[in-house]
Protein backbone atom coordinates (compact mmCIF):
# COMPACT_ATOMS: atom_id res chain seq x y z
CA MET A 1 -0.13 0.18 -0.22
CA SER A 2 0.96 3.40 -1.02
CA SER A 3 0.02 6.98 -0.17
CA LYS A 4 1.29 10.75 0.63
CA ASP A 5 -1.33 10.30 3.58
CA ASP A 6 0.81 8.48 6.62
CA LYS A 7 -2.80 8.48 8.84
CA LYS A 8 -4.87 7.16 5.97
CA LEU A 9 -2.53 4.25 5.15
CA ILE A 10 -2.59 3.19 9.23
CA GLU A 11 -6.58 3.43 9.00
CA PHE A 12 -6.44 1.31 5.95
CA ALA A 13 -4.23 -0.96 7.70
CA ASP A 14 -5.72 -1.11 10.88
CA PHE A 15 -9.04 -1.84 8.65
CA ILE A 16 -7.52 -5.20 6.85
CA LEU A 17 -5.36 -6.47 10.23
CA LYS A 18 -9.00 -5.96 12.26
CA LYS A 19 -10.69 -8.54 8.87
CA TRP A 20 -7.86 -10.61 9.08
CA LYS A 21 -7.83 -11.27 13.05
CA ASN A 22 -11.25 -13.18 12.69
CA TYR A 23 -10.89 -14.56 9.10
CA ASN A 24 -11.31 -18.09 8.50
CA ASP A 25 -10.41 -20.72 5.74
CA LYS A 26 -10.65 -24.24 6.87
CA ASN A 27 -10.29 -24.59 2.92
CA VAL A 28 -6.60 -23.51 3.47
CA ASN A 29 -6.25 -24.39 7.24
CA ILE A 30 -6.43 -20.25 8.18
CA LEU A 31 -8.56 -20.63 11.73
CA ALA A 32 -8.13 -17.39 13.28
CA LYS A 33 -9.42 -18.94 16.78
CA THR A 34 -9.20 -22.53 18.19
CA GLN A 35 -10.19 -22.50 22.19
CA ASN A 36 -9.03 -18.90 23.69
CA ALA A 37 -5.94 -18.35 21.17
CA TYR A 38 -6.35 -16.27 18.65
CA HIS A 39 -3.90 -16.84 15.86
CA ASN A 40 -4.13 -14.24 13.12
CA THR A 41 -2.00 -11.66 12.98
CA ILE A 42 -0.17 -9.00 10.82
CA THR A 43 3.78 -8.20 10.33
CA PRO A 44 4.07 -4.39 9.30
CA ILE A 45 7.30 -3.27 6.93
CA ALA A 46 6.74 0.81 6.24
CA ARG A 47 9.37 2.53 4.70
CA MET A 48 9.32 5.81 2.49
CA LYS A 49 9.68 5.76 -1.08
CA ASN A 50 8.89 8.54 -3.55
CA SER A 51 7.56 11.06 -0.69
CA ASN A 52 5.59 8.10 -0.45
CA PHE A 53 4.63 6.27 2.83
CA GLU A 54 4.67 2.60 2.12
CA LEU A 55 3.74 -0.30 4.08
CA ASP A 56 3.76 -4.15 3.23
CA LEU A 57 1.60 -6.22 5.62
CA VAL A 58 2.62 -9.85 6.03
CA LEU A 59 -0.64 -12.27 6.83
CA ARG A 60 0.99 -14.58 9.17
CA ASN A 61 -1.03 -17.19 11.71
CA ASN A 62 0.76 -18.85 14.33
CA ARG A 63 -1.47 -21.97 15.15
CA THR A 64 0.24 -24.71 15.34
CA ASP A 65 -1.28 -28.66 15.61
CA LYS A 66 0.44 -32.15 16.66
CA LYS A 67 2.37 -32.58 12.79
CA HIS A 68 3.19 -29.45 13.19
CA PRO A 69 4.49 -28.33 16.73
CA PHE A 70 6.18 -24.75 16.31
CA GLY A 71 3.85 -23.91 13.22
CA ILE A 72 1.81 -24.90 10.90
CA PHE A 73 3.11 -21.81 8.64
CA HIS A 74 6.70 -22.09 10.45
CA PRO A 75 9.28 -24.12 8.75
CA HIS A 76 8.52 -27.77 8.81
CA GLU A 77 11.05 -30.00 10.57
CA HIS A 78 12.37 -31.91 7.85
CA LEU A 79 13.92 -27.97 7.13
CA ASN A 80 14.91 -27.28 10.70
CA ASN A 81 19.17 -28.43 10.08
CA ILE A 82 18.96 -25.11 7.74
CA LYS A 83 16.21 -22.81 9.36
CA LYS A 84 14.04 -23.65 12.15
CA GLU A 85 13.45 -20.24 13.47
CA ASN A 86 10.63 -18.36 11.90
CA ILE A 87 10.92 -15.95 9.13
CA GLY A 88 10.70 -12.25 10.04
CA LEU A 89 10.66 -8.89 8.61
CA ILE A 90 14.19 -9.16 6.62
CA GLU A 91 13.45 -13.09 5.29
CA VAL A 92 9.62 -11.47 4.14
CA MET A 93 11.62 -8.41 2.09
CA GLY A 94 13.31 -10.93 0.14
CA LEU A 95 17.08 -11.19 2.16
CA ALA A 96 17.62 -14.73 3.72
CA ILE A 97 19.61 -14.42 7.50
CA LEU A 98 20.45 -18.13 7.98
CA PRO A 99 22.15 -19.12 11.84
CA PRO A 100 25.22 -18.24 12.43
CA ARG A 101 25.67 -22.17 12.98
CA LEU A 102 25.86 -23.00 9.40
CA LYS A 103 28.95 -21.26 8.71
CA GLU A 104 31.13 -23.75 10.86
CA GLU A 105 28.52 -26.54 9.58
CA LEU A 106 29.01 -26.30 6.20
CA GLU A 107 33.15 -25.86 6.61
CA LEU A 108 32.84 -29.45 8.07
CA LEU A 109 30.19 -30.46 5.30
CA ASN A 110 32.77 -29.41 2.80
CA ASP A 111 35.65 -31.96 4.49
CA TYR A 112 32.92 -34.76 4.86
CA ILE A 113 31.03 -34.77 1.75
CA LEU A 114 34.93 -33.98 -0.24
CA ASN A 115 36.87 -36.67 1.62
CA ASN A 116 34.05 -38.98 1.73
CA LYS A 117 33.22 -39.05 5.61
CA ASP A 118 30.22 -40.71 7.31
CA ILE A 119 28.47 -37.29 8.08
CA ASN A 120 26.14 -39.27 10.52
CA THR A 121 29.11 -40.00 12.99
CA ASN A 122 29.53 -35.71 13.89
CA GLU A 123 27.23 -34.83 16.11
CA LYS A 124 27.15 -31.02 14.90
CA ILE A 125 26.28 -32.01 11.12
CA LYS A 126 24.87 -35.59 11.23
CA LYS A 127 21.03 -33.44 11.44
CA HIS A 128 22.15 -32.77 7.52
CA THR A 129 22.48 -36.45 6.61
CA GLN A 130 19.55 -37.15 4.71
CA TRP A 131 19.30 -33.09 2.69
CA VAL A 132 22.40 -34.11 1.78
CA LYS A 133 22.04 -37.69 0.75
CA ASN A 134 18.68 -35.90 -0.96
CA PHE A 135 21.13 -33.71 -3.17
CA LEU A 136 23.91 -35.31 -3.85
CA PRO A 137 23.51 -37.78 -6.59
CA LYS A 138 21.95 -34.15 -8.26
CA TYR A 139 25.66 -33.79 -8.74
CA LYS A 140 28.09 -36.33 -11.02
CA ASP A 141 31.66 -34.24 -9.86
CA ILE A 142 31.86 -32.88 -6.58
CA ASN A 143 35.11 -31.32 -5.79
CA ASP A 144 37.14 -28.44 -4.46
CA LYS A 145 36.35 -26.20 -6.79
CA ASN A 146 32.32 -26.36 -6.95
CA ILE A 147 31.81 -27.41 -3.63
CA GLU A 148 30.95 -24.29 -1.92
CA LYS A 149 28.55 -23.15 -4.82
CA ILE A 150 26.88 -26.69 -4.55
CA LEU A 151 26.27 -25.86 -1.10
CA GLN A 152 25.42 -22.64 -1.50
CA LYS A 153 22.41 -23.93 -4.18
CA GLU A 154 21.38 -26.43 -2.15
CA ILE A 155 20.44 -24.36 0.78
CA SER A 156 18.93 -21.78 -1.50
CA LYS A 157 16.25 -24.05 -2.29
CA THR A 158 15.81 -25.23 1.10
CA PHE A 159 15.73 -21.39 1.93
CA LEU A 160 13.07 -21.35 -0.67
CA ASP A 161 11.02 -24.36 0.98
CA VAL A 162 11.03 -22.24 4.35
CA LEU A 163 9.41 -19.75 2.64
CA LYS A 164 7.00 -21.94 1.16
CA ASN A 165 6.30 -23.42 4.19
CA CYS A 166 5.51 -19.65 6.41
CA ALA A 167 2.87 -18.57 3.39
CA VAL A 168 -0.45 -18.62 4.60
CA PHE A 169 -2.45 -18.32 0.74
CA LYS A 170 -0.03 -20.68 -0.91
CA ARG A 171 1.57 -19.88 -4.47
CA ASN A 172 -0.37 -22.05 -6.16
CA LYS A 173 -3.61 -21.96 -7.70
CA LYS A 174 -5.66 -23.29 -4.73
CA GLY A 175 -3.85 -20.69 -2.37
CA MET A 176 -4.11 -17.94 -4.94
CA GLU A 177 -7.72 -18.57 -5.04
CA ALA A 178 -8.20 -18.41 -1.11
CA PHE A 179 -6.32 -15.17 -1.13
CA GLU A 180 -8.79 -13.51 -3.53
CA ILE A 181 -11.51 -14.56 -1.25
CA PHE A 182 -9.52 -12.78 1.12
CA ILE A 183 -9.04 -9.41 -0.13
CA ASN A 184 -12.69 -9.48 -1.67
CA THR A 185 -13.60 -9.55 2.33
CA LEU A 186 -12.44 -6.53 2.19
CA ASN A 187 -14.96 -4.91 0.07
CA LYS A 188 -17.65 -6.10 2.36
């Protein structure tokens, strides 16, 4: 959203927040409230651009279930070796902030992969075993000149999956149709 009038922008954002807080769509697993807990919220991102106030509103749902104890719209457990922390403003704005622990872990993985060592034997990196097993067969020639690029590429793919997990409205036909339904509630 963009406007020269910051007060109107804030009013509109508040209107959307109030609609979203109580919004349900069981077809895409969005429940605003269970028992006494509210789940829908918004993460706002504000900035100035060309003398206009701009505001992005990131729709969030913090509900959990047995399959996803950290959150249905949170990085799923099979991706936690790369990112288990919820995404925040920086990630929403398109910048991947990865945990500092990965620096040492990637150095170790580099060594273990190049030297055919069993990753599962090292406590610091054994959580990456399945991830490495999944992508390693895609590469015919892994050497000290390309290992870093391969690891960066695979981390990027995994991080994209993290972002997809966190999206309340998925970037597929069903998700986009559900988003359109929500947008249409703003006209009522």
